[in-house]
Amino acid sequence: MWNNTKIQIKMKTYIDNPIFMEILDTLATDITELTFGENAYISSREEMKFTDKAQDYYNDMYDEYEGLFNNFEVYSSNEGTPKKQSDVIKELWSELQALKRTLIDNHRDVWSQIQNK
């Protein structure tokens, strides 16, 4: 009776908070720059910052990517025992490859822009 039963156990992965935030920031910044192009930033001598529309988009993308990672059981950790970043990449490699395939198949122009960066 139990021989054909498959049990899938998902383990939660925790990434040190600064690294987790840097990953989310990089993803959100890249997609914001790709979406808004030259209109993403207000240029001044003191600093480069997003326009109001681009900043709102960035905030939405940051939250969306955080939710995506959480759906894959990857969370920010302030604890002293996070998994090594390489372990996280190995565990998520197939999901990342599926995301890459989706970009190539359905968003070829975005994929080209990413490749040319």
Protein backbone atom coordinates (compact mmCIF):
# COMPACT_ATOMS: atom_id res chain seq x y z
CA MET A 1 0.00 0.00 0.00
CA TRP A 2 2.73 2.52 0.91
CA ASN A 3 5.27 1.28 -1.62
CA ASN A 4 3.91 3.46 -4.45
CA THR A 5 3.35 6.53 -2.30
CA LYS A 6 5.73 9.39 -2.95
CA ILE A 7 6.33 11.93 -0.24
CA GLN A 8 7.91 15.22 -1.17
CA ILE A 9 9.46 17.21 1.63
CA LYS A 10 10.38 20.79 0.93
CA MET A 11 13.14 22.29 2.96
CA LYS A 12 13.24 25.98 3.65
CA THR A 13 16.40 27.77 2.63
CA TYR A 14 17.61 30.86 4.43
CA ILE A 15 20.01 33.38 2.91
CA ASP A 16 21.78 35.94 5.05
CA ASN A 17 19.67 39.11 4.94
CA PRO A 18 22.19 41.45 3.23
CA ILE A 19 22.84 38.88 0.47
CA PHE A 20 19.11 38.22 0.03
CA MET A 21 18.40 41.96 -0.24
CA GLU A 22 21.24 42.41 -2.73
CA ILE A 23 19.85 39.63 -4.94
CA LEU A 24 16.36 41.17 -4.89
CA ASP A 25 17.77 44.66 -5.51
CA THR A 26 19.81 43.46 -8.49
CA LEU A 27 16.85 41.68 -10.07
CA ALA A 28 14.45 44.60 -9.47
CA THR A 29 16.98 47.17 -10.71
CA ASP A 30 17.77 45.20 -13.88
CA ILE A 31 14.13 44.71 -14.85
CA THR A 32 13.35 48.37 -14.06
CA GLU A 33 16.22 49.54 -16.26
CA LEU A 34 15.12 47.19 -19.05
CA THR A 35 11.53 48.39 -18.80
CA PHE A 36 12.20 52.14 -18.60
CA GLY A 37 15.47 52.35 -20.52
CA GLU A 38 16.93 55.86 -20.55
CA ASN A 39 13.84 57.16 -18.76
CA ALA A 40 14.53 55.13 -15.62
CA TYR A 41 16.72 57.73 -13.91
CA ILE A 42 16.69 61.36 -12.92
CA SER A 43 20.18 62.58 -13.56
CA SER A 44 21.87 65.04 -11.26
CA ARG A 45 25.41 65.79 -10.22
CA GLU A 46 24.90 64.44 -6.70
CA GLU A 47 23.24 61.12 -7.38
CA MET A 48 21.41 58.89 -9.81
CA LYS A 49 17.94 57.92 -8.70
CA PHE A 50 14.86 56.44 -10.30
CA THR A 51 12.05 58.61 -11.57
CA ASP A 52 8.86 58.35 -9.50
CA LYS A 53 7.27 55.91 -11.98
CA ALA A 54 10.43 53.81 -12.18
CA GLN A 55 10.75 53.79 -8.37
CA ASP A 56 7.16 52.55 -8.01
CA TYR A 57 7.86 49.85 -10.60
CA TYR A 58 11.11 48.90 -8.82
CA ASN A 59 9.25 48.58 -5.50
CA ASP A 60 6.62 46.34 -7.12
CA MET A 61 9.30 44.18 -8.76
CA TYR A 62 11.28 43.89 -5.51
CA ASP A 63 8.14 42.64 -3.74
CA GLU A 64 7.31 40.32 -6.64
CA TYR A 65 10.78 38.75 -6.66
CA GLU A 66 10.73 38.36 -2.89
CA GLY A 67 7.40 36.55 -3.20
CA LEU A 68 8.81 34.36 -5.98
CA PHE A 69 11.78 33.36 -3.84
CA ASN A 70 9.46 32.69 -0.90
CA ASN A 71 7.32 30.46 -3.15
CA PHE A 72 10.48 28.41 -3.73
CA GLU A 73 10.95 28.25 0.06
CA VAL A 74 13.88 30.70 0.02
CA TYR A 75 13.79 33.32 2.74
CA SER A 76 15.85 36.09 4.25
CA SER A 77 17.62 35.16 7.46
CA ASN A 78 19.00 37.24 10.26
CA GLU A 79 20.14 34.06 11.96
CA GLY A 80 23.81 33.10 12.07
CA THR A 81 23.41 29.83 10.15
CA PRO A 82 22.27 30.59 6.58
CA LYS A 83 23.05 28.11 3.81
CA LYS A 84 25.96 28.96 1.55
CA GLN A 85 24.98 30.91 -1.53
CA SER A 86 26.34 28.17 -3.80
CA ASP A 87 24.03 25.62 -2.15
CA VAL A 88 21.04 27.85 -2.83
CA ILE A 89 22.02 28.25 -6.48
CA LYS A 90 22.36 24.47 -6.87
CA GLU A 91 18.94 23.88 -5.32
CA LEU A 92 17.25 26.50 -7.49
CA TRP A 93 19.16 25.82 -10.70
CA SER A 94 16.32 24.01 -12.47
CA GLU A 95 13.85 26.75 -11.54
CA LEU A 96 16.26 29.41 -12.78
CA GLN A 97 16.74 27.48 -16.03
CA ALA A 98 12.95 27.29 -16.47
CA LEU A 99 12.72 31.05 -15.96
CA LYS A 100 15.50 31.53 -18.54
CA ARG A 101 13.65 29.28 -21.00
CA THR A 102 10.46 31.33 -20.50
CA LEU A 103 12.36 34.52 -21.25
CA ILE A 104 13.93 33.03 -24.37
CA ASP A 105 10.66 31.55 -25.64
CA ASN A 106 8.21 34.30 -24.73
CA HIS A 107 10.25 37.48 -24.26
CA ARG A 108 13.04 37.23 -26.81
CA ASP A 109 13.65 41.00 -26.90
CA VAL A 110 14.16 41.13 -23.12
CA TRP A 111 16.48 38.12 -23.27
CA SER A 112 18.53 39.83 -26.01
CA GLN A 113 18.84 42.94 -23.87
CA ILE A 114 20.00 40.86 -20.91
CA GLN A 115 22.59 39.10 -23.08
CA ASN A 116 23.93 42.40 -24.42
CA LYS A 117 24.38 43.97 -20.99
